Every structure is written in structure tokens, then in C-alpha cells.
Amino acid sequence: MRKNVTIFHNPRCSKSRRTLALLHERGIEPEIVDYLKNPPETQEIARLLKLLGLSAREFIRRKEAAYAEHGLDAEALDEAQLIEAMRRHPILIERPIVVVGAAAAIGRPPENVLPILPPPA
């Protein structure tokens, strides 16, 4: 039985498009979550962080304008505050994220997701 595969995808991101193409090349039709149009809730972001083994500070996209605009570089901000910022401003969420069962990987580069993919049918 093949595991369900989900990709948190930004169609404007070249790495996200390449990761989706890699999944398709392997015969995987993932559930595609356009997280900019349908932002994940706080609990889902926390779950992704746990699966990835990352802190919110490690996961947040620091080069996005929203990071500076909202003062997210402040060391006093805790995990919950950073997760809430990502919920409110999903552009801050690192991408693409591929989830397979209880495993997740960030497709930067796209080949990073290969170890968690199910074996070919």
C-alpha cells in the first residue's frame, strides 16, 4: 500500500515546482496544499516543525519582507509567537514541504525529499 503524500506548495517558487515535478516523475500524485491561499492553522505548523525536527526560528523565511516588517528578528519572540506570525503571514513558511506519513522534508534542493518517498509501485 502506498502512503499518502502531501506537498505544501507555492506555484510561484521554482524549488516548489521542481519538487512537485520530481514527485510526478516518480509516479506520485500528491495532495497539493497551496498554503498561500489556504494557510495552515497554528497546530498544523507546529506539527510540521515537529516532523521536520526544526524550531520555528530555523523554519521561518528570514529574507521575506514580512520578516523585517513585523520585527520577527527580535530574540525575545518565542516559538508560539513565531508560529503565529507564520499563520498570519504564510509567505514566511519555508517551502516546499513534503509530508509522507510521519516523515517530512523540505525540498531545498528538491532531492531532499527522496529519502521519505514511498518505494515505486
PDB file of N, CA and C in Angstrom:
ATOM      1  N   MET A   1       0.835  -1.177   0.000  1.00  0.00           N
ATOM      2  CA  MET A   1       0.000   0.000   0.000  1.00  0.00           C
ATOM      3  C   MET A   1       0.886   1.250   0.000  1.00  0.00           C
ATOM      4  N   ARG A   2       0.584   2.189  -0.885  1.00  0.00           N
ATOM      5  CA  ARG A   2       1.365   3.427  -0.961  1.00  0.00           C
ATOM      6  C   ARG A   2       0.855   4.423   0.060  1.00  0.00           C
ATOM      7  N   LYS A   3       1.774   5.105   0.672  1.00  0.00           N
ATOM      8  CA  LYS A   3       1.418   6.128   1.660  1.00  0.00           C
ATOM      9  C   LYS A   3       0.930   7.382   0.951  1.00  0.00           C
ATOM     10  N   ASN A   4       0.077   8.114   1.645  1.00  0.00           N
ATOM     11  CA  ASN A   4      -0.364   9.407   1.118  1.00  0.00           C
ATOM     12  C   ASN A   4       0.792  10.393   1.182  1.00  0.00           C
ATOM     13  N   VAL A   5       0.885  11.212   0.160  1.00  0.00           N
ATOM     14  CA  VAL A   5       1.943  12.214   0.073  1.00  0.00           C
ATOM     15  C   VAL A   5       1.268  13.579  -0.076  1.00  0.00           C
ATOM     16  N   THR A   6       1.729  14.526   0.723  1.00  0.00           N
ATOM     17  CA  THR A   6       1.218  15.892   0.670  1.00  0.00           C
ATOM     18  C   THR A   6       2.385  16.829   0.411  1.00  0.00           C
ATOM     19  N   ILE A   7       2.153  17.832  -0.430  1.00  0.00           N
ATOM     20  CA  ILE A   7       3.163  18.873  -0.642  1.00  0.00           C
ATOM     21  C   ILE A   7       2.530  20.221  -0.309  1.00  0.00           C
ATOM     22  N   PHE A   8       3.206  20.973   0.552  1.00  0.00           N
ATOM     23  CA  PHE A   8       2.840  22.357   0.828  1.00  0.00           C
ATOM     24  C   PHE A   8       3.576  23.157  -0.230  1.00  0.00           C
ATOM     25  N   HIS A   9       2.814  23.681  -1.168  1.00  0.00           N
ATOM     26  CA  HIS A   9       3.334  24.144  -2.449  1.00  0.00           C
ATOM     27  C   HIS A   9       3.048  25.626  -2.678  1.00  0.00           C
ATOM     28  N   ASN A  10       4.040  26.293  -3.255  1.00  0.00           N
ATOM     29  CA  ASN A  10       3.877  27.660  -3.737  1.00  0.00           C
ATOM     30  C   ASN A  10       4.172  27.605  -5.232  1.00  0.00           C
ATOM     31  N   PRO A  11       3.140  27.693  -6.086  1.00  0.00           N
ATOM     32  CA  PRO A  11       3.364  27.547  -7.520  1.00  0.00           C
ATOM     33  C   PRO A  11       4.291  28.595  -8.127  1.00  0.00           C
ATOM     34  N   ARG A  12       4.541  29.700  -7.431  1.00  0.00           N
ATOM     35  CA  ARG A  12       5.453  30.730  -7.950  1.00  0.00           C
ATOM     36  C   ARG A  12       6.912  30.445  -7.599  1.00  0.00           C
ATOM     37  N   CYS A  13       7.150  29.447  -6.761  1.00  0.00           N
ATOM     38  CA  CYS A  13       8.511  29.127  -6.306  1.00  0.00           C
ATOM     39  C   CYS A  13       9.113  28.035  -7.199  1.00  0.00           C
ATOM     40  N   SER A  14      10.283  28.313  -7.759  1.00  0.00           N
ATOM     41  CA  SER A  14      10.908  27.339  -8.662  1.00  0.00           C
ATOM     42  C   SER A  14      11.257  26.038  -7.937  1.00  0.00           C
ATOM     43  N   LYS A  15      11.719  26.107  -6.702  1.00  0.00           N
ATOM     44  CA  LYS A  15      12.055  24.880  -5.950  1.00  0.00           C
ATOM     45  C   LYS A  15      10.791  24.060  -5.689  1.00  0.00           C
ATOM     46  N   SER A  16       9.697  24.755  -5.413  1.00  0.00           N
ATOM     47  CA  SER A  16       8.433  24.071  -5.176  1.00  0.00           C
ATOM     48  C   SER A  16       7.948  23.386  -6.456  1.00  0.00           C
ATOM     49  N   ARG A  17       8.044  24.088  -7.570  1.00  0.00           N
ATOM     50  CA  ARG A  17       7.639  23.485  -8.854  1.00  0.00           C
ATOM     51  C   ARG A  17       8.524  22.297  -9.198  1.00  0.00           C
ATOM     52  N   ARG A  18       9.831  22.409  -8.952  1.00  0.00           N
ATOM     53  CA  ARG A  18      10.755  21.298  -9.243  1.00  0.00           C
ATOM     54  C   ARG A  18      10.484  20.105  -8.334  1.00  0.00           C
ATOM     55  N   THR A  19      10.143  20.370  -7.074  1.00  0.00           N
ATOM     56  CA  THR A  19       9.841  19.274  -6.160  1.00  0.00           C
ATOM     57  C   THR A  19       8.557  18.568  -6.593  1.00  0.00           C
ATOM     58  N   LEU A  20       7.553  19.319  -6.979  1.00  0.00           N
ATOM     59  CA  LEU A  20       6.307  18.723  -7.469  1.00  0.00           C
ATOM     60  C   LEU A  20       6.575  17.897  -8.726  1.00  0.00           C
ATOM     61  N   ALA A  21       7.399  18.410  -9.623  1.00  0.00           N
ATOM     62  CA  ALA A  21       7.750  17.663 -10.835  1.00  0.00           C
ATOM     63  C   ALA A  21       8.470  16.363 -10.476  1.00  0.00           C
ATOM     64  N   LEU A  22       9.357  16.404  -9.493  1.00  0.00           N
ATOM     65  CA  LEU A  22      10.066  15.206  -9.060  1.00  0.00           C
ATOM     66  C   LEU A  22       9.070  14.156  -8.549  1.00  0.00           C
ATOM     67  N   LEU A  23       8.075  14.588  -7.783  1.00  0.00           N
ATOM     68  CA  LEU A  23       7.054  13.657  -7.297  1.00  0.00           C
ATOM     69  C   LEU A  23       6.310  13.039  -8.475  1.00  0.00           C
ATOM     70  N   HIS A  24       5.912  13.869  -9.433  1.00  0.00           N
ATOM     71  CA  HIS A  24       5.198  13.356 -10.606  1.00  0.00           C
ATOM     72  C   HIS A  24       6.064  12.382 -11.400  1.00  0.00           C
ATOM     73  N   GLU A  25       7.363  12.695 -11.550  1.00  0.00           N
ATOM     74  CA  GLU A  25       8.280  11.797 -12.261  1.00  0.00           C
ATOM     75  C   GLU A  25       8.337  10.423 -11.609  1.00  0.00           C
ATOM     76  N   ARG A  26       8.127  10.375 -10.318  1.00  0.00           N
ATOM     77  CA  ARG A  26       8.160   9.115  -9.574  1.00  0.00           C
ATOM     78  C   ARG A  26       6.782   8.463  -9.491  1.00  0.00           C
ATOM     79  N   GLY A  27       5.839   8.997 -10.244  1.00  0.00           N
ATOM     80  CA  GLY A  27       4.505   8.409 -10.280  1.00  0.00           C
ATOM     81  C   GLY A  27       3.649   8.730  -9.070  1.00  0.00           C
ATOM     82  N   ILE A  28       4.017   9.769  -8.351  1.00  0.00           N
ATOM     83  CA  ILE A  28       3.283  10.164  -7.144  1.00  0.00           C
ATOM     84  C   ILE A  28       2.394  11.347  -7.472  1.00  0.00           C
ATOM     85  N   GLU A  29       1.116  11.207  -7.184  1.00  0.00           N
ATOM     86  CA  GLU A  29       0.168  12.309  -7.343  1.00  0.00           C
ATOM     87  C   GLU A  29      -0.167  12.792  -5.936  1.00  0.00           C
ATOM     88  N   PRO A  30       0.563  13.793  -5.441  1.00  0.00           N
ATOM     89  CA  PRO A  30       0.383  14.222  -4.056  1.00  0.00           C
ATOM     90  C   PRO A  30      -0.870  15.073  -3.876  1.00  0.00           C
ATOM     91  N   GLU A  31      -1.301  15.167  -2.634  1.00  0.00           N
ATOM     92  CA  GLU A  31      -2.274  16.184  -2.279  1.00  0.00           C
ATOM     93  C   GLU A  31      -1.496  17.492  -2.283  1.00  0.00           C
ATOM     94  N   ILE A  32      -1.980  18.474  -3.016  1.00  0.00           N
ATOM     95  CA  ILE A  32      -1.280  19.752  -3.126  1.00  0.00           C
ATOM     96  C   ILE A  32      -1.995  20.772  -2.261  1.00  0.00           C
ATOM     97  N   VAL A  33      -1.247  21.331  -1.306  1.00  0.00           N
ATOM     98  CA  VAL A  33      -1.776  22.379  -0.445  1.00  0.00           C
ATOM     99  C   VAL A  33      -1.122  23.694  -0.862  1.00  0.00           C
ATOM    100  N   ASP A  34      -1.910  24.557  -1.470  1.00  0.00           N
ATOM    101  CA  ASP A  34      -1.412  25.890  -1.816  1.00  0.00           C
ATOM    102  C   ASP A  34      -1.525  26.712  -0.529  1.00  0.00           C
ATOM    103  N   TYR A  35      -0.455  26.680   0.245  1.00  0.00           N
ATOM    104  CA  TYR A  35      -0.508  27.228   1.603  1.00  0.00           C
ATOM    105  C   TYR A  35      -0.639  28.754   1.639  1.00  0.00           C
ATOM    106  N   LEU A  36      -0.380  29.433   0.517  1.00  0.00           N
ATOM    107  CA  LEU A  36      -0.601  30.877   0.492  1.00  0.00           C
ATOM    108  C   LEU A  36      -2.092  31.196   0.389  1.00  0.00           C
ATOM    109  N   LYS A  37      -2.834  30.362  -0.324  1.00  0.00           N
ATOM    110  CA  LYS A  37      -4.283  30.548  -0.449  1.00  0.00           C
ATOM    111  C   LYS A  37      -5.038  29.924   0.720  1.00  0.00           C
ATOM    112  N   ASN A  38      -4.496  28.843   1.264  1.00  0.00           N
ATOM    113  CA  ASN A  38      -5.116  28.116   2.384  1.00  0.00           C
ATOM    114  C   ASN A  38      -4.075  27.921   3.480  1.00  0.00           C
ATOM    115  N   PRO A  39      -3.780  28.975   4.239  1.00  0.00           N
ATOM    116  CA  PRO A  39      -2.723  28.889   5.246  1.00  0.00           C
ATOM    117  C   PRO A  39      -3.017  27.830   6.306  1.00  0.00           C
ATOM    118  N   PRO A  40      -1.984  27.087   6.697  1.00  0.00           N
ATOM    119  CA  PRO A  40      -2.184  26.101   7.756  1.00  0.00           C
ATOM    120  C   PRO A  40      -2.451  26.782   9.092  1.00  0.00           C
ATOM    121  N   GLU A  41      -3.225  26.101   9.915  1.00  0.00           N
ATOM    122  CA  GLU A  41      -3.500  26.591  11.265  1.00  0.00           C
ATOM    123  C   GLU A  41      -2.253  26.436  12.129  1.00  0.00           C
ATOM    124  N   THR A  42      -2.286  27.062  13.266  1.00  0.00           N
ATOM    125  CA  THR A  42      -1.163  27.027  14.213  1.00  0.00           C
ATOM    126  C   THR A  42      -0.740  25.593  14.533  1.00  0.00           C
ATOM    127  N   GLN A  43      -1.717  24.726  14.803  1.00  0.00           N
ATOM    128  CA  GLN A  43      -1.421  23.337  15.169  1.00  0.00           C
ATOM    129  C   GLN A  43      -0.728  22.599  14.030  1.00  0.00           C
ATOM    130  N   GLU A  44      -1.125  22.885  12.788  1.00  0.00           N
ATOM    131  CA  GLU A  44      -0.514  22.231  11.635  1.00  0.00           C
ATOM    132  C   GLU A  44       0.929  22.700  11.454  1.00  0.00           C
ATOM    133  N   ILE A  45       1.182  23.973  11.644  1.00  0.00           N
ATOM    134  CA  ILE A  45       2.561  24.468  11.549  1.00  0.00           C
ATOM    135  C   ILE A  45       3.416  23.818  12.628  1.00  0.00           C
ATOM    136  N   ALA A  46       2.896  23.729  13.840  1.00  0.00           N
ATOM    137  CA  ALA A  46       3.633  23.081  14.931  1.00  0.00           C
ATOM    138  C   ALA A  46       3.895  21.609  14.607  1.00  0.00           C
ATOM    139  N   ARG A  47       2.923  20.931  14.000  1.00  0.00           N
ATOM    140  CA  ARG A  47       3.102  19.522  13.614  1.00  0.00           C
ATOM    141  C   ARG A  47       4.197  19.389  12.561  1.00  0.00           C
ATOM    142  N   LEU A  48       4.205  20.284  11.575  1.00  0.00           N
ATOM    143  CA  LEU A  48       5.240  20.246  10.545  1.00  0.00           C
ATOM    144  C   LEU A  48       6.624  20.463  11.152  1.00  0.00           C
ATOM    145  N   LEU A  49       6.721  21.405  12.073  1.00  0.00           N
ATOM    146  CA  LEU A  49       8.002  21.656  12.735  1.00  0.00           C
ATOM    147  C   LEU A  49       8.489  20.407  13.447  1.00  0.00           C
ATOM    148  N   LYS A  50       7.585  19.732  14.139  1.00  0.00           N
ATOM    149  CA  LYS A  50       7.952  18.506  14.863  1.00  0.00           C
ATOM    150  C   LYS A  50       8.422  17.427  13.887  1.00  0.00           C
ATOM    151  N   LEU A  51       7.678  17.249  12.790  1.00  0.00           N
ATOM    152  CA  LEU A  51       8.067  16.247  11.791  1.00  0.00           C
ATOM    153  C   LEU A  51       9.428  16.564  11.177  1.00  0.00           C
ATOM    154  N   LEU A  52       9.691  17.847  10.978  1.00  0.00           N
ATOM    155  CA  LEU A  52      10.957  18.269  10.378  1.00  0.00           C
ATOM    156  C   LEU A  52      12.104  18.315  11.382  1.00  0.00           C
ATOM    157  N   GLY A  53      11.771  18.330  12.671  1.00  0.00           N
ATOM    158  CA  GLY A  53      12.809  18.437  13.694  1.00  0.00           C
ATOM    159  C   GLY A  53      13.436  19.822  13.734  1.00  0.00           C
ATOM    160  N   LEU A  54      12.626  20.842  13.447  1.00  0.00           N
ATOM    161  CA  LEU A  54      13.126  22.215  13.407  1.00  0.00           C
ATOM    162  C   LEU A  54      12.384  23.092  14.403  1.00  0.00           C
ATOM    163  N   SER A  55      13.042  24.149  14.819  1.00  0.00           N
ATOM    164  CA  SER A  55      12.367  25.167  15.611  1.00  0.00           C
ATOM    165  C   SER A  55      11.730  26.161  14.646  1.00  0.00           C
ATOM    166  N   ALA A  56      10.814  26.953  15.151  1.00  0.00           N
ATOM    167  CA  ALA A  56      10.181  27.976  14.314  1.00  0.00           C
ATOM    168  C   ALA A  56      11.233  28.938  13.777  1.00  0.00           C
ATOM    169  N   ARG A  57      12.209  29.284  14.569  1.00  0.00           N
ATOM    170  CA  ARG A  57      13.261  30.218  14.151  1.00  0.00           C
ATOM    171  C   ARG A  57      14.070  29.628  12.998  1.00  0.00           C
ATOM    172  N   GLU A  58      14.300  28.306  13.011  1.00  0.00           N
ATOM    173  CA  GLU A  58      15.045  27.653  11.930  1.00  0.00           C
ATOM    174  C   GLU A  58      14.213  27.532  10.650  1.00  0.00           C
ATOM    175  N   PHE A  59      12.903  27.522  10.803  1.00  0.00           N
ATOM    176  CA  PHE A  59      11.969  27.241   9.716  1.00  0.00           C
ATOM    177  C   PHE A  59      11.488  28.495   8.989  1.00  0.00           C
ATOM    178  N   ILE A  60      11.463  29.610   9.681  1.00  0.00           N
ATOM    179  CA  ILE A  60      10.880  30.836   9.126  1.00  0.00           C
ATOM    180  C   ILE A  60      11.798  31.415   8.040  1.00  0.00           C
ATOM    181  N   ARG A  61      11.185  31.964   7.012  1.00  0.00           N
ATOM    182  CA  ARG A  61      11.939  32.549   5.898  1.00  0.00           C
ATOM    183  C   ARG A  61      12.340  33.975   6.269  1.00  0.00           C
ATOM    184  N   ARG A  62      13.611  34.154   6.563  1.00  0.00           N
ATOM    185  CA  ARG A  62      14.116  35.439   7.053  1.00  0.00           C
ATOM    186  C   ARG A  62      14.272  36.499   5.966  1.00  0.00           C
ATOM    187  N   LYS A  63      14.339  36.083   4.716  1.00  0.00           N
ATOM    188  CA  LYS A  63      14.562  37.057   3.636  1.00  0.00           C
ATOM    189  C   LYS A  63      13.270  37.676   3.120  1.00  0.00           C
ATOM    190  N   GLU A  64      12.125  37.206   3.604  1.00  0.00           N
ATOM    191  CA  GLU A  64      10.850  37.784   3.180  1.00  0.00           C
ATOM    192  C   GLU A  64      10.664  39.156   3.834  1.00  0.00           C
ATOM    193  N   ALA A  65      10.059  40.065   3.113  1.00  0.00           N
ATOM    194  CA  ALA A  65       9.825  41.417   3.637  1.00  0.00           C
ATOM    195  C   ALA A  65       9.024  41.383   4.934  1.00  0.00           C
ATOM    196  N   ALA A  66       8.070  40.476   5.045  1.00  0.00           N
ATOM    197  CA  ALA A  66       7.225  40.386   6.245  1.00  0.00           C
ATOM    198  C   ALA A  66       8.045  40.091   7.495  1.00  0.00           C
ATOM    199  N   TYR A  67       9.174  39.420   7.349  1.00  0.00           N
ATOM    200  CA  TYR A  67      10.030  39.099   8.494  1.00  0.00           C
ATOM    201  C   TYR A  67      10.531  40.391   9.141  1.00  0.00           C
ATOM    202  N   ALA A  68      11.058  41.278   8.342  1.00  0.00           N
ATOM    203  CA  ALA A  68      11.566  42.553   8.865  1.00  0.00           C
ATOM    204  C   ALA A  68      10.419  43.476   9.268  1.00  0.00           C
ATOM    205  N   GLU A  69       9.383  43.530   8.431  1.00  0.00           N
ATOM    206  CA  GLU A  69       8.251  44.426   8.697  1.00  0.00           C
ATOM    207  C   GLU A  69       7.611  44.182  10.059  1.00  0.00           C
ATOM    208  N   HIS A  70       7.609  42.937  10.503  1.00  0.00           N
ATOM    209  CA  HIS A  70       6.952  42.579  11.762  1.00  0.00           C
ATOM    210  C   HIS A  70       7.936  42.352  12.914  1.00  0.00           C
ATOM    211  N   GLY A  71       9.196  42.735  12.694  1.00  0.00           N
ATOM    212  CA  GLY A  71      10.189  42.654  13.757  1.00  0.00           C
ATOM    213  C   GLY A  71      10.428  41.237  14.264  1.00  0.00           C
ATOM    214  N   LEU A  72      10.377  40.258  13.360  1.00  0.00           N
ATOM    215  CA  LEU A  72      10.486  38.860  13.776  1.00  0.00           C
ATOM    216  C   LEU A  72      11.909  38.430  14.096  1.00  0.00           C
ATOM    217  N   ASP A  73      12.852  39.325  13.906  1.00  0.00           N
ATOM    218  CA  ASP A  73      14.230  39.021  14.289  1.00  0.00           C
ATOM    219  C   ASP A  73      14.468  39.254  15.786  1.00  0.00           C
ATOM    220  N   ALA A  74      13.480  39.783  16.481  1.00  0.00           N
ATOM    221  CA  ALA A  74      13.620  40.049  17.921  1.00  0.00           C
ATOM    222  C   ALA A  74      13.825  38.735  18.681  1.00  0.00           C
ATOM    223  N   GLU A  75      14.934  38.653  19.397  1.00  0.00           N
ATOM    224  CA  GLU A  75      15.268  37.427  20.134  1.00  0.00           C
ATOM    225  C   GLU A  75      14.253  37.103  21.218  1.00  0.00           C
ATOM    226  N   ALA A  76      13.500  38.084  21.678  1.00  0.00           N
ATOM    227  CA  ALA A  76      12.519  37.871  22.745  1.00  0.00           C
ATOM    228  C   ALA A  76      11.300  37.075  22.275  1.00  0.00           C
ATOM    229  N   LEU A  77      11.105  36.974  20.955  1.00  0.00           N
ATOM    230  CA  LEU A  77       9.944  36.238  20.448  1.00  0.00           C
ATOM    231  C   LEU A  77      10.125  34.745  20.697  1.00  0.00           C
ATOM    232  N   ASP A  78       9.063  34.116  21.213  1.00  0.00           N
ATOM    233  CA  ASP A  78       9.150  32.683  21.492  1.00  0.00           C
ATOM    234  C   ASP A  78       8.570  31.871  20.336  1.00  0.00           C
ATOM    235  N   GLU A  79       8.635  30.565  20.481  1.00  0.00           N
ATOM    236  CA  GLU A  79       8.170  29.633  19.452  1.00  0.00           C
ATOM    237  C   GLU A  79       6.717  29.915  19.047  1.00  0.00           C
ATOM    238  N   ALA A  80       5.851  30.081  20.033  1.00  0.00           N
ATOM    239  CA  ALA A  80       4.431  30.303  19.751  1.00  0.00           C
ATOM    240  C   ALA A  80       4.216  31.592  18.969  1.00  0.00           C
ATOM    241  N   GLN A  81       4.952  32.628  19.296  1.00  0.00           N
ATOM    242  CA  GLN A  81       4.802  33.901  18.594  1.00  0.00           C
ATOM    243  C   GLN A  81       5.272  33.795  17.141  1.00  0.00           C
ATOM    244  N   LEU A  82       6.350  33.060  16.916  1.00  0.00           N
ATOM    245  CA  LEU A  82       6.837  32.881  15.544  1.00  0.00           C
ATOM    246  C   LEU A  82       5.883  32.015  14.729  1.00  0.00           C
ATOM    247  N   ILE A  83       5.336  30.983  15.344  1.00  0.00           N
ATOM    248  CA  ILE A  83       4.358  30.141  14.649  1.00  0.00           C
ATOM    249  C   ILE A  83       3.122  30.963  14.294  1.00  0.00           C
ATOM    250  N   GLU A  84       2.664  31.788  15.210  1.00  0.00           N
ATOM    251  CA  GLU A  84       1.509  32.646  14.948  1.00  0.00           C
ATOM    252  C   GLU A  84       1.810  33.612  13.799  1.00  0.00           C
ATOM    253  N   ALA A  85       3.026  34.131  13.758  1.00  0.00           N
ATOM    254  CA  ALA A  85       3.405  35.027  12.649  1.00  0.00           C
ATOM    255  C   ALA A  85       3.347  34.284  11.320  1.00  0.00           C
ATOM    256  N   MET A  86       3.778  33.025  11.290  1.00  0.00           N
ATOM    257  CA  MET A  86       3.712  32.234  10.060  1.00  0.00           C
ATOM    258  C   MET A  86       2.262  31.942   9.679  1.00  0.00           C
ATOM    259  N   ARG A  87       1.404  31.743  10.665  1.00  0.00           N
ATOM    260  CA  ARG A  87      -0.008  31.509  10.380  1.00  0.00           C
ATOM    261  C   ARG A  87      -0.617  32.764   9.737  1.00  0.00           C
ATOM    262  N   ARG A  88      -0.306  33.925  10.302  1.00  0.00           N
ATOM    263  CA  ARG A  88      -0.862  35.175   9.789  1.00  0.00           C
ATOM    264  C   ARG A  88      -0.238  35.596   8.460  1.00  0.00           C
ATOM    265  N   HIS A  89       1.025  35.226   8.246  1.00  0.00           N
ATOM    266  CA  HIS A  89       1.766  35.614   7.045  1.00  0.00           C
ATOM    267  C   HIS A  89       2.418  34.357   6.456  1.00  0.00           C
ATOM    268  N   PRO A  90       1.637  33.528   5.762  1.00  0.00           N
ATOM    269  CA  PRO A  90       2.158  32.230   5.307  1.00  0.00           C
ATOM    270  C   PRO A  90       3.341  32.320   4.356  1.00  0.00           C
ATOM    271  N   ILE A  91       3.589  33.482   3.771  1.00  0.00           N
ATOM    272  CA  ILE A  91       4.766  33.646   2.918  1.00  0.00           C
ATOM    273  C   ILE A  91       6.044  33.366   3.713  1.00  0.00           C
ATOM    274  N   LEU A  92       5.961  33.456   5.044  1.00  0.00           N
ATOM    275  CA  LEU A  92       7.118  33.217   5.914  1.00  0.00           C
ATOM    276  C   LEU A  92       7.436  31.729   6.104  1.00  0.00           C
ATOM    277  N   ILE A  93       6.535  30.858   5.666  1.00  0.00           N
ATOM    278  CA  ILE A  93       6.740  29.411   5.832  1.00  0.00           C
ATOM    279  C   ILE A  93       7.713  28.925   4.766  1.00  0.00           C
ATOM    280  N   GLU A  94       8.738  28.192   5.204  1.00  0.00           N
ATOM    281  CA  GLU A  94       9.707  27.620   4.268  1.00  0.00           C
ATOM    282  C   GLU A  94       8.971  26.670   3.335  1.00  0.00           C
ATOM    283  N   ARG A  95       9.448  26.564   2.110  1.00  0.00           N
ATOM    284  CA  ARG A  95       8.790  25.708   1.138  1.00  0.00           C
ATOM    285  C   ARG A  95       9.786  25.107   0.178  1.00  0.00           C
ATOM    286  N   PRO A  96       9.352  24.087  -0.526  1.00  0.00           N
ATOM    287  CA  PRO A  96       8.151  23.285  -0.335  1.00  0.00           C
ATOM    288  C   PRO A  96       8.372  22.262   0.769  1.00  0.00           C
ATOM    289  N   ILE A  97       7.304  21.834   1.375  1.00  0.00           N
ATOM    290  CA  ILE A  97       7.375  20.793   2.405  1.00  0.00           C
ATOM    291  C   ILE A  97       6.617  19.590   1.878  1.00  0.00           C
ATOM    292  N   VAL A  98       7.264  18.440   1.903  1.00  0.00           N
ATOM    293  CA  VAL A  98       6.617  17.195   1.512  1.00  0.00           C
ATOM    294  C   VAL A  98       6.450  16.364   2.781  1.00  0.00           C
ATOM    295  N   VAL A  99       5.231  15.850   2.956  1.00  0.00           N
ATOM    296  CA  VAL A  99       4.917  15.024   4.118  1.00  0.00           C
ATOM    297  C   VAL A  99       4.463  13.660   3.621  1.00  0.00           C
ATOM    298  N   VAL A 100       5.082  12.624   4.187  1.00  0.00           N
ATOM    299  CA  VAL A 100       4.716  11.241   3.886  1.00  0.00           C
ATOM    300  C   VAL A 100       4.564  10.533   5.221  1.00  0.00           C
ATOM    301  N   GLY A 101       3.327  10.263   5.614  1.00  0.00           N
ATOM    302  CA  GLY A 101       3.101   9.623   6.902  1.00  0.00           C
ATOM    303  C   GLY A 101       3.639  10.477   8.034  1.00  0.00           C
ATOM    304  N   ALA A 102       4.542   9.911   8.832  1.00  0.00           N
ATOM    305  CA  ALA A 102       5.128  10.617   9.976  1.00  0.00           C
ATOM    306  C   ALA A 102       6.489  11.213   9.642  1.00  0.00           C
ATOM    307  N   ALA A 103       6.757  11.418   8.359  1.00  0.00           N
ATOM    308  CA  ALA A 103       8.039  11.999   7.937  1.00  0.00           C
ATOM    309  C   ALA A 103       7.774  13.224   7.071  1.00  0.00           C
ATOM    310  N   ALA A 104       8.690  14.164   7.140  1.00  0.00           N
ATOM    311  CA  ALA A 104       8.588  15.362   6.312  1.00  0.00           C
ATOM    312  C   ALA A 104       9.983  15.809   5.913  1.00  0.00           C
ATOM    313  N   ALA A 105      10.040  16.526   4.797  1.00  0.00           N
ATOM    314  CA  ALA A 105      11.312  17.077   4.318  1.00  0.00           C
ATOM    315  C   ALA A 105      11.020  18.358   3.543  1.00  0.00           C
ATOM    316  N   ILE A 106      11.979  19.253   3.585  1.00  0.00           N
ATOM    317  CA  ILE A 106      11.898  20.495   2.815  1.00  0.00           C
ATOM    318  C   ILE A 106      12.632  20.260   1.499  1.00  0.00           C
ATOM    319  N   GLY A 107      11.982  20.571   0.392  1.00  0.00           N
ATOM    320  CA  GLY A 107      12.561  20.339  -0.930  1.00  0.00           C
ATOM    321  C   GLY A 107      13.496  21.433  -1.383  1.00  0.00           C
ATOM    322  N   ARG A 108      14.509  21.711  -0.595  1.00  0.00           N
ATOM    323  CA  ARG A 108      15.553  22.682  -0.938  1.00  0.00           C
ATOM    324  C   ARG A 108      16.895  22.014  -0.716  1.00  0.00           C
ATOM    325  N   PRO A 109      17.470  21.382  -1.701  1.00  0.00           N
ATOM    326  CA  PRO A 109      17.002  21.190  -3.060  1.00  0.00           C
ATOM    327  C   PRO A 109      15.918  20.106  -3.122  1.00  0.00           C
ATOM    328  N   PRO A 110      15.230  19.988  -4.258  1.00  0.00           N
ATOM    329  CA  PRO A 110      14.149  19.019  -4.372  1.00  0.00           C
ATOM    330  C   PRO A 110      14.539  17.590  -3.978  1.00  0.00           C
ATOM    331  N   GLU A 111      15.775  17.219  -4.236  1.00  0.00           N
ATOM    332  CA  GLU A 111      16.234  15.860  -3.932  1.00  0.00           C
ATOM    333  C   GLU A 111      16.203  15.549  -2.432  1.00  0.00           C
ATOM    334  N   ASN A 112      16.085  16.561  -1.599  1.00  0.00           N
ATOM    335  CA  ASN A 112      16.000  16.331  -0.146  1.00  0.00           C
ATOM    336  C   ASN A 112      14.797  15.479   0.237  1.00  0.00           C
ATOM    337  N   VAL A 113      13.767  15.430  -0.616  1.00  0.00           N
ATOM    338  CA  VAL A 113      12.565  14.677  -0.268  1.00  0.00           C
ATOM    339  C   VAL A 113      12.681  13.193  -0.620  1.00  0.00           C
ATOM    340  N   LEU A 114      13.651  12.809  -1.406  1.00  0.00           N
ATOM    341  CA  LEU A 114      13.768  11.422  -1.870  1.00  0.00           C
ATOM    342  C   LEU A 114      13.773  10.397  -0.726  1.00  0.00           C
ATOM    343  N   PRO A 115      14.513  10.615   0.367  1.00  0.00           N
ATOM    344  CA  PRO A 115      14.550   9.582   1.412  1.00  0.00           C
ATOM    345  C   PRO A 115      13.209   9.274   2.078  1.00  0.00           C
ATOM    346  N   ILE A 116      12.255  10.188   2.001  1.00  0.00           N
ATOM    347  CA  ILE A 116      10.980   9.932   2.695  1.00  0.00           C
ATOM    348  C   ILE A 116       9.897   9.408   1.748  1.00  0.00           C
ATOM    349  N   LEU A 117      10.193   9.358   0.436  1.00  0.00           N
ATOM    350  CA  LEU A 117       9.178   8.943  -0.517  1.00  0.00           C
ATOM    351  C   LEU A 117       8.958   7.436  -0.456  1.00  0.00           C
ATOM    352  N   PRO A 118       7.711   7.012  -0.744  1.00  0.00           N
ATOM    353  CA  PRO A 118       7.453   5.582  -0.790  1.00  0.00           C
ATOM    354  C   PRO A 118       8.183   4.959  -1.965  1.00  0.00           C
ATOM    355  N   PRO A 119       8.489   3.655  -1.862  1.00  0.00           N
ATOM    356  CA  PRO A 119       9.155   2.989  -2.978  1.00  0.00           C
ATOM    357  C   PRO A 119       8.231   2.935  -4.197  1.00  0.00           C
ATOM    358  N   PRO A 120       8.817   2.903  -5.379  1.00  0.00           N
ATOM    359  CA  PRO A 120       7.981   2.826  -6.582  1.00  0.00           C
ATOM    360  C   PRO A 120       7.080   1.596  -6.541  1.00  0.00           C
ATOM    361  N   ALA A 121       5.898   1.735  -7.135  1.00  0.00           N
ATOM    362  CA  ALA A 121       4.928   0.630  -7.158  1.00  0.00           C
ATOM    363  C   ALA A 121       5.382  -0.467  -8.074  1.00  0.00           C
TER     364      ALA A 121
END
